[in-house]
Amino acid sequence: MAAFSTADLPDMSGKTVIVTGANSGIGRAAAAAFAHVGARVVLAVRDPAKGQATASAIGAATATVGGGGGGAPEVRELDLARLDSIRAFAAAWQGEIDLLINNAGVMAPPLTRTADGFELQFGTNHLGHFALTNLLLPNVTGRIVTVSSGMHQIGRIDFADLNWERRRYKPWRAYGQSKLANLLFTSELQRRLTQAGSPVLATAAHPGYAATNLQSSAASGLQRFAMNQLGNRLIAQDVAGGALPTLYAAVADLPGDSFAGPGILGLRGAPKLVARSAAARDATVARRLWSVSEELTGVSFPDLQSQNKTD
């Protein structure tokens, strides 16, 4: 079987795709790929000015594909570290969503808290996307892809201190917890969708080692040097390669709760279905995390069964 590439993306004319954190990195690469095959792409970004620059660049690039591209993406403000911003984004949304790409994230910064008091990585990477997905879910008709990481393997869901208020803060452990939460969220979301009789699929992906600006947020200068100057030059694949697992999880013929990643040592190469840690397969923890996430965000799984009866 030939390796998956952007050439395998179907024509997406008339499809609507939301990509969070699409100003740079794999989010931008994924957004550009969807736009090139005709999709209406919405960049959900914290900085609208940067978003407009990104949208213009993508629009200019799609103009070179002989009229087959979807044109310049739309830009809408979304700060996943603020529940009020998430609610405003969802409240303003009208119409169907074929693909929701939960891509935005932060990686290993110094201890920081969101506007609502959550540890930044758990609050942004997991809780922000949890709230956004559930608020938009009545509009989603196709698939929800959440970007995790191979670093989920070092994660542990500490229900006694999810927001690092009592423990000594360890940025990489906090990152691992948030990425593990992404996979548990995907599994429980798919279980709930299936139970509700919804055709929507929830999948997950990880980019492997991709050269993005995420590395610049690391708390340690030595870590930033190692990742930017050594890792990015010697090991990492480019952002286009890093976006391929997201695209694969979005359009390939896969079952719900699939996890896609690079095929070469989990670091680079064409995407395929990959394994996850035992902790990421714990259905009991997934259900408990869902309940706690509902309590923390004030957002619950919508009543899709009632919606299906009235459609």
Protein backbone atom coordinates (compact mmCIF):
# COMPACT_ATOMS: atom_id res chain seq x y z
CA MET A 1 0.00 0.00 0.00
CA ALA A 2 1.34 3.43 -0.96
CA ALA A 3 2.23 5.79 1.86
CA PHE A 4 -0.38 8.45 2.66
CA SER A 5 0.39 11.96 1.43
CA THR A 6 -1.48 15.19 0.73
CA ALA A 7 -2.20 13.77 -2.73
CA ASP A 8 -4.62 11.40 -0.98
CA LEU A 9 -6.82 14.19 0.32
CA PRO A 10 -10.23 14.07 -1.39
CA ASP A 11 -11.90 17.05 -3.01
CA MET A 12 -13.36 18.97 -0.07
CA SER A 13 -15.32 21.62 -1.94
CA GLY A 14 -18.32 22.62 0.14
CA LYS A 15 -16.81 21.19 3.35
CA THR A 16 -16.15 23.34 6.42
CA VAL A 17 -13.05 22.73 8.51
CA ILE A 18 -12.12 24.49 11.77
CA VAL A 19 -8.46 24.32 12.79
CA THR A 20 -7.44 25.65 16.19
CA GLY A 21 -3.97 27.13 16.58
CA ALA A 22 -3.58 27.50 12.83
CA ASN A 23 -1.24 30.50 12.80
CA SER A 24 1.88 28.36 12.65
CA GLY A 25 3.34 24.87 12.73
CA ILE A 26 1.35 21.78 11.90
CA GLY A 27 -1.95 23.64 12.35
CA ARG A 28 -1.03 26.06 9.59
CA ALA A 29 0.21 23.23 7.36
CA ALA A 30 -3.01 21.26 7.89
CA ALA A 31 -5.17 24.32 7.23
CA ALA A 32 -3.27 25.01 4.00
CA ALA A 33 -3.70 21.40 2.87
CA PHE A 34 -7.45 21.51 3.43
CA ALA A 35 -7.74 24.85 1.63
CA HIS A 36 -5.79 23.48 -1.34
CA VAL A 37 -8.43 20.78 -1.88
CA GLY A 38 -11.30 23.23 -1.79
CA ALA A 39 -12.45 23.30 1.82
CA ARG A 40 -13.80 26.36 3.56
CA VAL A 41 -11.19 26.65 6.29
CA VAL A 42 -11.67 28.62 9.49
CA LEU A 43 -8.54 29.56 11.42
CA ALA A 44 -9.49 29.64 15.11
CA VAL A 45 -6.61 31.63 16.58
CA ARG A 46 -5.68 33.68 19.61
CA ASP A 47 -4.12 36.50 17.55
CA PRO A 48 -6.46 37.58 14.70
CA ALA A 49 -3.84 39.89 13.15
CA LYS A 50 -1.42 36.98 12.74
CA GLY A 51 -4.35 34.90 11.58
CA GLN A 52 -5.12 37.36 8.80
CA ALA A 53 -1.50 37.23 7.63
CA THR A 54 -1.65 33.42 7.63
CA ALA A 55 -4.98 33.43 5.79
CA SER A 56 -3.61 35.77 3.13
CA ALA A 57 -0.56 33.57 2.60
CA ILE A 58 -2.68 30.43 2.30
CA GLY A 59 -5.09 32.21 -0.05
CA ALA A 60 -2.23 33.33 -2.29
CA ALA A 61 -0.90 29.78 -2.39
CA THR A 62 -4.28 28.26 -3.26
CA ALA A 63 -4.58 30.71 -6.15
CA THR A 64 -1.78 28.79 -7.87
CA VAL A 65 -3.69 25.49 -8.00
CA GLY A 66 -5.74 26.34 -11.06
CA GLY A 67 -8.90 27.45 -9.29
CA GLY A 68 -9.19 24.22 -7.35
CA GLY A 69 -8.34 25.69 -3.99
CA GLY A 70 -10.77 26.93 -1.39
CA GLY A 71 -9.35 30.45 -1.32
CA ALA A 72 -8.25 32.42 1.70
CA PRO A 73 -9.39 30.96 5.03
CA GLU A 74 -11.62 32.83 7.41
CA VAL A 75 -10.19 34.04 10.71
CA ARG A 76 -12.04 33.92 14.02
CA GLU A 77 -10.66 34.78 17.42
CA LEU A 78 -10.36 31.92 19.91
CA ASP A 79 -8.27 31.83 23.07
CA LEU A 80 -8.37 28.29 24.46
CA ALA A 81 -6.96 29.55 27.76
CA ARG A 82 -10.18 31.52 28.38
CA LEU A 83 -13.54 29.82 28.80
CA ASP A 84 -15.32 33.07 27.96
CA SER A 85 -13.53 33.20 24.61
CA ILE A 86 -14.46 29.58 23.89
CA ARG A 87 -18.10 30.23 24.72
CA ALA A 88 -18.14 33.35 22.54
CA PHE A 89 -16.63 31.47 19.60
CA ALA A 90 -19.19 28.67 19.89
CA ALA A 91 -22.13 31.03 20.40
CA ALA A 92 -21.25 32.92 17.23
CA TRP A 93 -20.95 29.78 15.13
CA GLN A 94 -23.71 28.96 12.64
CA GLY A 95 -23.87 26.10 10.18
CA GLU A 96 -22.42 22.63 9.88
CA ILE A 97 -18.83 21.67 10.65
CA ASP A 98 -17.46 18.77 8.66
CA LEU A 99 -14.12 18.64 10.47
CA LEU A 100 -13.02 20.06 13.81
CA ILE A 101 -9.24 19.89 14.21
CA ASN A 102 -8.25 20.36 17.85
CA ASN A 103 -4.66 21.29 17.12
CA ALA A 104 -3.65 24.25 19.32
CA GLY A 105 -1.34 23.58 22.22
CA VAL A 106 1.48 24.72 24.45
CA MET A 107 4.49 22.62 25.43
CA ALA A 108 6.54 22.68 28.63
CA PRO A 109 6.41 26.40 29.56
CA PRO A 110 7.19 27.69 33.05
CA LEU A 111 4.26 27.36 35.47
CA THR A 112 1.51 29.59 34.12
CA ARG A 113 -2.23 29.69 34.76
CA THR A 114 -5.11 30.35 32.41
CA ALA A 115 -7.62 33.15 32.95
CA ASP A 116 -9.79 30.60 34.79
CA GLY A 117 -6.98 29.41 37.06
CA PHE A 118 -6.06 26.15 35.34
CA GLU A 119 -2.46 25.07 34.79
CA LEU A 120 -1.79 26.37 31.29
CA GLN A 121 -1.03 23.08 29.54
CA PHE A 122 -3.92 21.14 31.06
CA GLY A 123 -6.19 24.14 30.63
CA THR A 124 -5.32 24.80 26.99
CA ASN A 125 -4.43 21.42 25.55
CA HIS A 126 -7.23 19.49 27.23
CA LEU A 127 -9.88 21.59 28.98
CA GLY A 128 -10.04 24.25 26.27
CA HIS A 129 -10.59 21.68 23.53
CA PHE A 130 -12.96 19.70 25.75
CA ALA A 131 -15.19 22.75 26.18
CA LEU A 132 -14.94 23.81 22.54
CA THR A 133 -15.77 20.36 21.21
CA ASN A 134 -18.83 19.87 23.38
CA LEU A 135 -20.16 23.35 22.64
CA LEU A 136 -19.75 22.86 18.87
CA LEU A 137 -20.72 19.19 18.77
CA PRO A 138 -24.37 19.74 17.72
CA ASN A 139 -22.97 21.34 14.54
CA VAL A 140 -20.36 18.67 13.75
CA THR A 141 -21.33 16.24 11.01
CA GLY A 142 -18.07 14.49 10.19
CA ARG A 143 -15.04 14.05 12.36
CA ILE A 144 -13.19 15.51 15.35
CA VAL A 145 -9.42 15.13 15.34
CA THR A 146 -7.50 15.94 18.51
CA VAL A 147 -3.73 16.32 18.35
CA SER A 148 -1.92 14.44 21.12
CA SER A 149 1.77 13.54 21.41
CA GLY A 150 4.06 10.58 21.86
CA MET A 151 4.86 12.26 25.17
CA HIS A 152 1.49 11.06 26.47
CA GLN A 153 3.46 7.99 27.54
CA ILE A 154 5.06 9.91 30.43
CA GLY A 155 1.71 11.32 31.52
CA ARG A 156 -0.35 10.42 34.55
CA ILE A 157 -3.76 11.83 35.42
CA ASP A 158 -3.37 13.04 39.00
CA PHE A 159 -6.96 13.67 40.06
CA ALA A 160 -5.76 14.94 43.44
CA ASP A 161 -3.83 17.79 41.80
CA LEU A 162 -4.75 18.15 38.14
CA ASN A 163 -3.74 21.81 38.08
CA TRP A 164 -0.41 21.50 39.88
CA GLU A 165 -1.42 23.53 42.91
CA ARG A 166 0.31 21.32 45.51
CA ARG A 167 3.01 19.40 43.66
CA ARG A 168 6.35 20.81 42.59
CA TYR A 169 5.74 21.84 39.01
CA LYS A 170 7.40 19.70 36.35
CA PRO A 171 6.72 21.15 32.88
CA TRP A 172 7.26 17.95 30.93
CA ARG A 173 5.17 15.86 33.31
CA ALA A 174 2.42 18.47 33.01
CA TYR A 175 2.69 18.31 29.23
CA GLY A 176 2.48 14.51 29.33
CA GLN A 177 -0.63 14.71 31.51
CA SER A 178 -2.32 17.08 29.06
CA LYS A 179 -1.48 14.89 26.05
CA LEU A 180 -2.65 11.75 27.86
CA ALA A 181 -5.85 13.64 28.60
CA ASN A 182 -6.26 14.27 24.84
CA LEU A 183 -6.31 10.53 24.16
CA LEU A 184 -8.62 9.70 27.05
CA PHE A 185 -10.93 12.48 25.87
CA THR A 186 -10.99 11.03 22.34
CA SER A 187 -11.85 7.56 23.61
CA GLU A 188 -14.64 8.72 25.89
CA LEU A 189 -15.97 11.10 23.24
CA GLN A 190 -16.21 8.24 20.76
CA ARG A 191 -17.96 6.06 23.33
CA ARG A 192 -20.53 8.77 23.95
CA LEU A 193 -21.03 9.46 20.24
CA THR A 194 -21.62 5.77 19.56
CA GLN A 195 -24.02 5.51 22.49
CA ALA A 196 -25.96 8.51 21.17
CA GLY A 197 -26.24 6.93 17.72
CA SER A 198 -24.18 9.70 16.15
CA PRO A 199 -22.24 9.04 12.92
CA VAL A 200 -19.55 11.53 13.99
CA LEU A 201 -16.12 10.01 14.57
CA ALA A 202 -13.50 11.06 17.11
CA THR A 203 -9.88 10.31 16.22
CA ALA A 204 -6.47 11.42 17.46
CA ALA A 205 -3.06 12.04 15.95
CA HIS A 206 0.46 12.94 16.95
CA PRO A 207 3.04 14.64 14.72
CA GLY A 208 6.13 12.82 15.90
CA TYR A 209 9.12 15.13 16.10
CA ALA A 210 8.26 18.11 13.93
CA ALA A 211 10.19 21.35 13.71
CA THR A 212 7.65 23.86 15.02
CA ASN A 213 7.66 26.92 17.25
CA LEU A 214 6.32 24.86 20.17
CA GLN A 215 9.92 24.20 21.20
CA SER A 216 10.45 27.90 21.90
CA SER A 217 8.08 27.77 24.88
CA ALA A 218 10.16 25.29 26.91
CA ALA A 219 10.98 26.54 30.39
CA SER A 220 14.71 25.78 30.19
CA GLY A 221 17.10 27.60 27.87
CA LEU A 222 19.13 24.40 27.56
CA GLN A 223 16.02 22.49 26.52
CA ARG A 224 15.17 25.15 23.94
CA PHE A 225 18.68 24.93 22.53
CA ALA A 226 18.62 21.15 22.41
CA MET A 227 15.28 21.05 20.63
CA ASN A 228 15.75 23.98 18.27
CA GLN A 229 19.42 23.65 17.36
CA LEU A 230 19.97 19.91 17.68
CA GLY A 231 16.64 18.08 17.51
CA ASN A 232 15.09 20.23 14.81
CA ARG A 233 18.16 20.02 12.60
CA LEU A 234 19.12 16.39 13.09
CA ILE A 235 15.90 14.49 13.80
CA ALA A 236 12.77 16.49 13.14
CA GLN A 237 10.67 16.38 10.02
CA ASP A 238 9.26 19.60 8.60
CA VAL A 239 5.83 20.95 9.48
CA ALA A 240 4.27 19.50 6.33
CA GLY A 241 5.43 16.04 7.42
CA GLY A 242 4.29 16.70 10.96
CA ALA A 243 0.79 17.60 9.72
CA LEU A 244 0.33 14.34 7.79
CA PRO A 245 -0.92 12.29 10.78
CA THR A 246 -3.57 14.96 11.41
CA LEU A 247 -4.68 14.83 7.78
CA TYR A 248 -4.67 11.03 7.85
CA ALA A 249 -6.80 10.97 11.01
CA ALA A 250 -9.16 13.46 9.36
CA VAL A 251 -9.86 11.76 6.02
CA ALA A 252 -8.63 8.15 5.98
CA ASP A 253 -11.06 5.24 6.26
CA LEU A 254 -10.55 4.64 9.98
CA PRO A 255 -12.72 3.54 12.90
CA GLY A 256 -13.52 5.90 15.71
CA ASP A 257 -10.91 6.29 18.46
CA SER A 258 -8.08 5.65 16.00
CA PHE A 259 -4.66 7.09 16.83
CA ALA A 260 -2.37 8.07 13.96
CA GLY A 261 1.30 8.95 14.03
CA PRO A 262 4.52 8.79 11.99
CA GLY A 263 5.61 5.32 10.96
CA ILE A 264 9.37 5.59 11.59
CA LEU A 265 10.04 5.09 15.31
CA GLY A 266 7.11 7.37 16.07
CA LEU A 267 9.26 10.35 15.05
CA ARG A 268 8.90 10.89 11.32
CA GLY A 269 7.67 9.37 8.09
CA ALA A 270 4.32 8.57 6.55
CA PRO A 271 1.43 8.24 8.99
CA LYS A 272 -0.18 5.00 10.10
CA LEU A 273 -2.20 3.74 13.05
CA VAL A 274 0.00 3.64 16.14
CA ALA A 275 -0.21 2.22 19.64
CA ARG A 276 -0.95 4.18 22.80
CA SER A 277 0.08 3.59 26.38
CA ALA A 278 -1.89 1.37 28.76
CA ALA A 279 -2.85 4.51 30.70
CA ALA A 280 -4.40 5.94 27.52
CA ARG A 281 -6.58 2.83 27.21
CA ASP A 282 -8.05 3.03 30.70
CA ALA A 283 -11.80 3.48 30.17
CA THR A 284 -12.47 4.04 33.87
CA VAL A 285 -10.01 6.92 34.05
CA ALA A 286 -11.40 8.31 30.79
CA ARG A 287 -14.91 8.46 32.22
CA ARG A 288 -13.73 10.02 35.45
CA LEU A 289 -11.66 12.61 33.59
CA TRP A 290 -14.71 13.49 31.50
CA SER A 291 -16.82 14.07 34.62
CA VAL A 292 -14.12 16.21 36.25
CA SER A 293 -13.67 18.18 33.02
CA GLU A 294 -17.40 18.91 32.95
CA GLU A 295 -17.19 20.21 36.50
CA LEU A 296 -14.16 22.39 35.81
CA THR A 297 -15.45 23.92 32.57
CA GLY A 298 -19.17 23.95 33.20
CA VAL A 299 -19.66 22.33 29.78
CA SER A 300 -21.37 18.97 29.25
CA PHE A 301 -21.89 16.50 26.44
CA PRO A 302 -24.93 17.69 24.45
CA ASP A 303 -28.15 15.69 24.11
CA LEU A 304 -27.52 14.40 20.60
CA GLN A 305 -30.19 11.73 20.85
CA SER A 306 -32.92 14.37 21.18
CA GLN A 307 -31.33 16.32 18.34
CA ASN A 308 -31.30 13.23 16.11
CA LYS A 309 -35.02 12.67 16.77
CA THR A 310 -35.88 16.21 15.69
CA ASP A 311 -33.60 16.38 12.61
